Amino acid sequence: MFLCRLADVPDGGSRGFDPARTGQDTVVVVRRGARLYAWRDACPHHGGTPMAWRKDAYLNAARDRIVCAAHGARFDIVTGICTQGPCLGQRLQPVVLDVRDNEIHIRET
């Protein structure tokens, strides 16, 4: 399933997507150089609460953690493990991506 072009996710930044077209982002992608990390936009602390505090705003000021705006939980970008907050030790649900011809796709399972 096509998400966007690689250039549409800024290096060092994040972007939310609504692949099911439900009207709410359900996937977050973080880019670090050529590497992409994708997670379900659902905090494990409270029933899958969306994490962005505004559209595409998932990262802390240092841009080294994903932050849940609802609970303040902080997640490691690479592993998805909560390193601070009410869901300490829990992890985000990964989303597997493929990059083909500079296009980002969710891998069909």
Protein backbone atom coordinates (compact mmCIF):
# COMPACT_ATOMS: atom_id res chain seq x y z
CA MET A 1 0.00 0.00 0.00
CA PHE A 2 1.53 3.29 -1.13
CA LEU A 3 2.08 5.94 1.59
CA CYS A 4 4.19 8.67 -0.01
CA ARG A 5 7.46 9.50 -1.69
CA LEU A 6 10.61 9.22 0.44
CA ALA A 7 11.22 12.97 0.09
CA ASP A 8 7.80 13.63 1.70
CA VAL A 9 9.15 12.50 5.10
CA PRO A 10 11.79 15.04 6.18
CA ASP A 11 15.14 13.68 7.36
CA GLY A 12 15.07 13.83 11.17
CA GLY A 13 11.31 14.32 11.13
CA SER A 14 8.07 12.40 11.41
CA ARG A 15 4.83 12.14 9.51
CA GLY A 16 1.47 10.54 10.20
CA PHE A 17 -0.57 8.60 7.66
CA ASP A 18 -4.14 7.40 7.29
CA PRO A 19 -3.72 4.38 4.99
CA ALA A 20 -7.23 3.04 5.72
CA ARG A 21 -8.74 6.48 4.99
CA THR A 22 -10.63 6.62 8.27
CA GLY A 23 -10.03 10.33 8.80
CA GLN A 24 -7.38 9.76 11.49
CA ASP A 25 -3.68 8.97 11.16
CA THR A 26 -2.99 5.40 12.26
CA VAL A 27 0.66 5.05 11.20
CA VAL A 28 3.65 7.22 12.09
CA VAL A 29 6.88 7.16 10.06
CA VAL A 30 10.15 8.62 11.37
CA ARG A 31 13.09 9.17 9.03
CA ARG A 32 16.76 9.19 9.98
CA GLY A 33 18.79 9.56 6.81
CA ALA A 34 18.01 6.58 4.59
CA ARG A 35 16.42 4.62 7.48
CA LEU A 36 12.70 4.64 8.16
CA TYR A 37 10.94 3.51 11.33
CA ALA A 38 7.19 2.96 11.26
CA TRP A 39 4.78 2.34 14.12
CA ARG A 40 1.05 2.23 14.69
CA ASP A 41 -0.05 5.65 15.95
CA ALA A 42 -1.39 4.13 19.15
CA CYS A 43 0.03 4.63 22.65
CA PRO A 44 0.03 1.29 24.52
CA HIS A 45 -0.78 3.05 27.80
CA HIS A 46 -4.45 3.66 27.23
CA GLY A 47 -6.28 1.71 24.56
CA GLY A 48 -4.34 2.93 21.57
CA THR A 49 -4.65 6.69 22.04
CA PRO A 50 -3.24 8.65 19.05
CA MET A 51 0.10 10.22 19.97
CA ALA A 52 0.62 13.40 17.91
CA TRP A 53 -0.09 16.75 19.56
CA ARG A 54 -0.81 18.20 16.09
CA LYS A 55 -0.57 16.87 12.54
CA ASP A 56 2.80 15.12 12.01
CA ALA A 57 4.15 16.30 15.42
CA TYR A 58 5.32 13.08 17.06
CA LEU A 59 8.87 13.90 18.18
CA ASN A 60 10.27 15.67 21.22
CA ALA A 61 12.27 18.89 20.86
CA ALA A 62 15.56 16.97 20.58
CA ARG A 63 13.95 14.82 17.85
CA ASP A 64 15.33 11.65 19.47
CA ARG A 65 12.10 10.20 20.93
CA ILE A 66 8.51 9.68 19.84
CA VAL A 67 6.23 11.33 22.40
CA CYS A 68 2.60 10.62 23.27
CA ALA A 69 1.00 14.03 23.71
CA ALA A 70 -1.84 12.56 25.77
CA HIS A 71 0.30 10.87 28.45
CA GLY A 72 3.83 12.22 28.02
CA ALA A 73 5.25 8.74 27.32
CA ARG A 74 8.53 8.73 25.37
CA PHE A 75 9.46 5.94 22.97
CA ASP A 76 12.76 4.95 21.41
CA ILE A 77 12.50 5.63 17.67
CA VAL A 78 14.40 2.49 16.65
CA THR A 79 12.89 -0.09 19.04
CA GLY A 80 9.52 1.48 19.89
CA ILE A 81 10.11 0.73 23.59
CA CYS A 82 8.74 3.21 26.12
CA THR A 83 11.71 4.70 27.99
CA GLN A 84 9.76 7.16 30.15
CA GLY A 85 6.16 7.53 31.20
CA PRO A 86 3.16 5.48 32.31
CA CYS A 87 3.80 2.56 29.92
CA LEU A 88 7.50 2.10 30.77
CA GLY A 89 8.88 -1.02 29.06
CA GLN A 90 5.89 -1.49 26.75
CA ARG A 91 6.40 -0.99 23.04
CA LEU A 92 4.71 0.48 20.02
CA GLN A 93 3.40 -1.91 17.38
CA PRO A 94 5.75 -1.97 14.35
CA VAL A 95 4.60 -1.42 10.77
CA VAL A 96 6.76 -3.03 8.08
CA LEU A 97 7.66 -0.78 5.17
CA ASP A 98 9.17 -1.29 1.74
CA VAL A 99 10.92 1.46 -0.20
CA ARG A 100 10.80 1.01 -3.97
CA ASP A 101 11.84 3.65 -6.49
CA ASN A 102 11.89 6.27 -3.70
CA GLU A 103 8.31 5.43 -2.74
CA ILE A 104 7.30 4.26 0.74
CA HIS A 105 4.83 1.37 0.90
CA ILE A 106 3.34 -0.60 3.78
CA ARG A 107 4.33 -4.21 3.22
CA GLU A 108 1.32 -6.41 2.60
CA THR A 109 1.19 -9.26 5.11
